[in-house]
Amino acid sequence: MSKIWFTSDWHFGHDKPFLYEPRGFSSIAEANEVIMNRHNELVSNDDEVYVLGDLMLGDNNENIEYIKRMNGRLHIIIGNHDTSERIKKYKECDNVVSVLYADRIKWKKWSIYVSHCPMIVAHNEEAPKLWNFHGHTHSKEKFSDIPHCYNVALDAHNCYPIEIEQIAEDIRQYLNKAE
């Protein structure tokens, strides 16, 4: 049975120490390989993967090769570094199913708005099953001050994708602590 995964901010080829050093890497080459390997060790080719922006920077022709090697059926949400040239390259990859600016997906009784940046989607207890999954912040925290937002970025998950069942459990635990 296939799984549903979320991730964000791969930043393949983004050769800036302020990005890869806090993730525990000594170079962008090391970061690129470890991020790809961690993804592929969990995700199968039949799994659905929502990649919430900022997939690559730098040399598009070189870095698109990492995207092509990522397991899963990729649903890409465009981030602030995803230029029109990069978007065109994403659409040419066999493993990319869709490329959108945002999307709303249903899972069980949940309604999930997926976007690159965090978005206010609910502000009260009336909508406990409406959540925004996002990246962009590079925070190591899964939750922020914005209600009903969950950070799926690599920085919050030790450079691994996060499976939807685990996200649901994280949210349940978070809400139980708040009570």
Protein backbone atom coordinates (compact mmCIF):
# COMPACT_ATOMS: atom_id res chain seq x y z
CA MET A 1 0.00 0.00 0.00
CA SER A 2 1.40 3.36 -0.97
CA LYS A 3 2.06 6.09 1.59
CA ILE A 4 1.74 9.87 1.52
CA TRP A 5 4.85 11.90 2.36
CA PHE A 6 5.60 15.60 2.77
CA THR A 7 8.86 17.49 2.55
CA SER A 8 10.19 20.89 1.61
CA ASP A 9 13.28 22.95 0.96
CA TRP A 10 15.67 20.41 -0.52
CA HIS A 11 17.77 23.29 -1.88
CA PHE A 12 19.84 20.96 -4.07
CA GLY A 13 22.91 22.89 -5.24
CA HIS A 14 22.41 25.85 -2.88
CA ASP A 15 26.07 26.24 -2.02
CA LYS A 16 25.74 28.48 1.04
CA PRO A 17 27.13 27.37 4.42
CA PHE A 18 24.29 29.16 6.27
CA LEU A 19 21.97 26.57 4.73
CA TYR A 20 23.82 23.25 4.82
CA GLU A 21 25.91 23.71 7.99
CA PRO A 22 22.91 24.01 10.38
CA ARG A 23 21.65 20.77 8.79
CA GLY A 24 24.88 19.09 9.88
CA PHE A 25 26.75 18.95 6.57
CA SER A 26 30.25 20.13 5.68
CA SER A 27 29.48 20.84 2.00
CA ILE A 28 26.61 21.13 -0.45
CA ALA A 29 27.80 17.96 -2.19
CA GLU A 30 27.42 16.03 1.07
CA ALA A 31 24.02 17.64 1.75
CA ASN A 32 22.74 16.79 -1.74
CA GLU A 33 23.68 13.10 -1.43
CA VAL A 34 22.46 12.61 2.14
CA ILE A 35 19.13 14.36 1.49
CA MET A 36 18.53 12.21 -1.60
CA ASN A 37 19.56 9.00 0.20
CA ARG A 38 17.42 9.69 3.28
CA HIS A 39 14.43 10.40 1.05
CA ASN A 40 14.90 7.28 -1.04
CA GLU A 41 15.44 4.98 1.95
CA LEU A 42 11.88 5.76 3.15
CA VAL A 43 9.90 6.57 0.00
CA SER A 44 8.96 3.95 -2.59
CA ASN A 45 8.24 4.74 -6.23
CA ASP A 46 4.50 4.15 -5.68
CA ASP A 47 4.26 6.64 -2.81
CA GLU A 48 2.78 10.12 -3.20
CA VAL A 49 5.21 12.89 -2.19
CA TYR A 50 4.24 16.53 -1.72
CA VAL A 51 7.37 18.68 -2.10
CA LEU A 52 6.47 22.11 -0.79
CA GLY A 53 8.91 24.30 -2.66
CA ASP A 54 12.52 25.32 -3.06
CA LEU A 55 13.77 22.14 -4.65
CA MET A 56 17.02 23.46 -6.11
CA LEU A 57 19.24 26.46 -6.73
CA GLY A 58 22.44 26.96 -8.69
CA ASP A 59 22.99 25.04 -11.92
CA ASN A 60 19.56 23.87 -13.09
CA ASN A 61 20.91 21.24 -15.49
CA GLU A 62 23.10 19.69 -12.79
CA ASN A 63 20.61 19.85 -9.92
CA ILE A 64 17.58 18.56 -11.83
CA GLU A 65 19.39 15.21 -11.85
CA TYR A 66 18.76 14.95 -8.08
CA ILE A 67 15.04 15.55 -8.61
CA LYS A 68 14.93 12.82 -11.25
CA ARG A 69 16.51 10.37 -8.81
CA MET A 70 14.01 11.01 -5.99
CA ASN A 71 11.59 8.15 -5.34
CA GLY A 72 7.85 8.68 -5.39
CA ARG A 73 5.23 10.42 -7.43
CA LEU A 74 6.19 14.05 -6.82
CA HIS A 75 3.54 16.76 -6.39
CA ILE A 76 5.53 19.98 -6.41
CA ILE A 77 4.31 23.16 -4.78
CA ILE A 78 6.23 26.15 -6.11
CA GLY A 79 8.48 27.97 -3.65
CA ASN A 80 10.13 31.37 -3.77
CA HIS A 81 13.31 29.94 -5.40
CA ASP A 82 11.43 27.92 -8.04
CA THR A 83 11.88 30.07 -11.14
CA SER A 84 9.98 29.61 -14.39
CA GLU A 85 13.03 27.84 -15.88
CA ARG A 86 13.16 25.44 -12.92
CA ILE A 87 9.41 24.83 -13.10
CA LYS A 88 9.78 23.90 -16.76
CA LYS A 89 12.51 21.41 -15.85
CA TYR A 90 10.39 19.91 -13.04
CA LYS A 91 7.54 19.29 -15.48
CA GLU A 92 9.90 17.35 -17.75
CA CYS A 93 10.75 14.80 -15.01
CA ASP A 94 9.06 11.40 -15.26
CA ASN A 95 8.50 11.26 -11.48
CA VAL A 96 6.70 14.64 -11.30
CA VAL A 97 2.91 14.33 -11.30
CA SER A 98 1.93 17.97 -10.75
CA VAL A 99 3.39 21.44 -10.28
CA LEU A 100 1.11 23.97 -8.55
CA TYR A 101 1.38 27.14 -6.47
CA ALA A 102 -0.75 25.60 -3.70
CA ASP A 103 -3.26 22.81 -3.30
CA ARG A 104 -5.89 21.48 -0.95
CA ILE A 105 -5.94 17.78 -0.31
CA LYS A 106 -8.29 15.56 1.67
CA TRP A 107 -7.06 12.76 3.89
CA LYS A 108 -9.46 10.85 6.11
CA LYS A 109 -11.43 13.62 7.89
CA TRP A 110 -8.64 16.15 7.39
CA SER A 111 -8.50 19.00 4.93
CA ILE A 112 -4.92 20.09 4.25
CA TYR A 113 -3.85 23.24 2.48
CA VAL A 114 -0.31 22.74 1.14
CA SER A 115 1.84 25.77 0.39
CA HIS A 116 5.46 26.80 0.49
CA CYS A 117 5.02 29.58 3.06
CA PRO A 118 2.94 29.21 6.22
CA MET A 119 -0.63 30.43 5.76
CA ILE A 120 -3.38 31.23 8.23
CA VAL A 121 -6.12 28.70 7.49
CA ALA A 122 -7.96 28.45 10.81
CA HIS A 123 -8.01 30.56 13.91
CA ASN A 124 -10.27 28.76 16.30
CA GLU A 125 -11.25 25.35 17.60
CA GLU A 126 -14.17 25.11 15.17
CA ALA A 127 -11.90 23.78 12.43
CA PRO A 128 -9.57 21.25 14.14
CA LYS A 129 -9.18 19.16 10.99
CA LEU A 130 -8.10 22.05 8.72
CA TRP A 131 -4.32 22.45 8.62
CA ASN A 132 -1.67 24.14 6.54
CA PHE A 133 1.40 22.04 5.78
CA HIS A 134 4.30 24.28 4.72
CA GLY A 135 8.06 24.74 4.53
CA HIS A 136 10.05 27.91 3.85
CA THR A 137 10.93 28.95 7.43
CA HIS A 138 13.99 26.69 7.89
CA SER A 139 12.92 26.36 11.50
CA LYS A 140 13.72 23.19 13.40
CA GLU A 141 10.30 23.52 15.06
CA LYS A 142 7.31 21.62 13.67
CA PHE A 143 4.82 24.18 15.03
CA SER A 144 4.89 27.97 15.22
CA ASP A 145 2.72 30.77 16.60
CA ILE A 146 0.51 30.54 13.51
CA PRO A 147 -2.46 28.32 14.41
CA HIS A 148 -3.01 25.11 12.47
CA CYS A 149 0.34 25.17 10.68
CA TYR A 150 2.75 22.24 10.47
CA ASN A 151 6.31 22.63 9.16
CA VAL A 152 7.29 19.75 6.84
CA ALA A 153 10.67 21.23 5.86
CA LEU A 154 13.81 19.12 6.09
CA ASP A 155 15.13 21.32 8.90
CA ALA A 156 12.35 20.16 11.26
CA HIS A 157 12.76 16.46 10.42
CA ASN A 158 16.50 15.73 10.38
CA CYS A 159 16.55 15.98 6.57
CA TYR A 160 13.96 13.22 6.10
CA PRO A 161 10.49 13.41 4.54
CA ILE A 162 7.61 13.02 6.99
CA GLU A 163 4.75 10.54 6.47
CA ILE A 164 1.18 11.79 6.90
CA GLU A 165 0.38 9.31 9.70
CA GLN A 166 3.31 10.70 11.71
CA ILE A 167 2.18 14.27 11.05
CA ALA A 168 -1.30 13.38 12.35
CA GLU A 169 0.26 11.88 15.48
CA ASP A 170 2.46 14.96 15.98
CA ILE A 171 -0.62 17.18 15.70
CA ARG A 172 -2.59 15.04 18.17
CA GLN A 173 0.24 15.25 20.70
CA TYR A 174 0.62 18.98 20.16
CA LEU A 175 -3.10 19.61 20.67
CA ASN A 176 -3.17 17.43 23.80
CA LYS A 177 -0.31 19.47 25.33
CA ALA A 178 -2.20 22.69 24.59
CA GLU A 179 -5.26 21.60 26.55
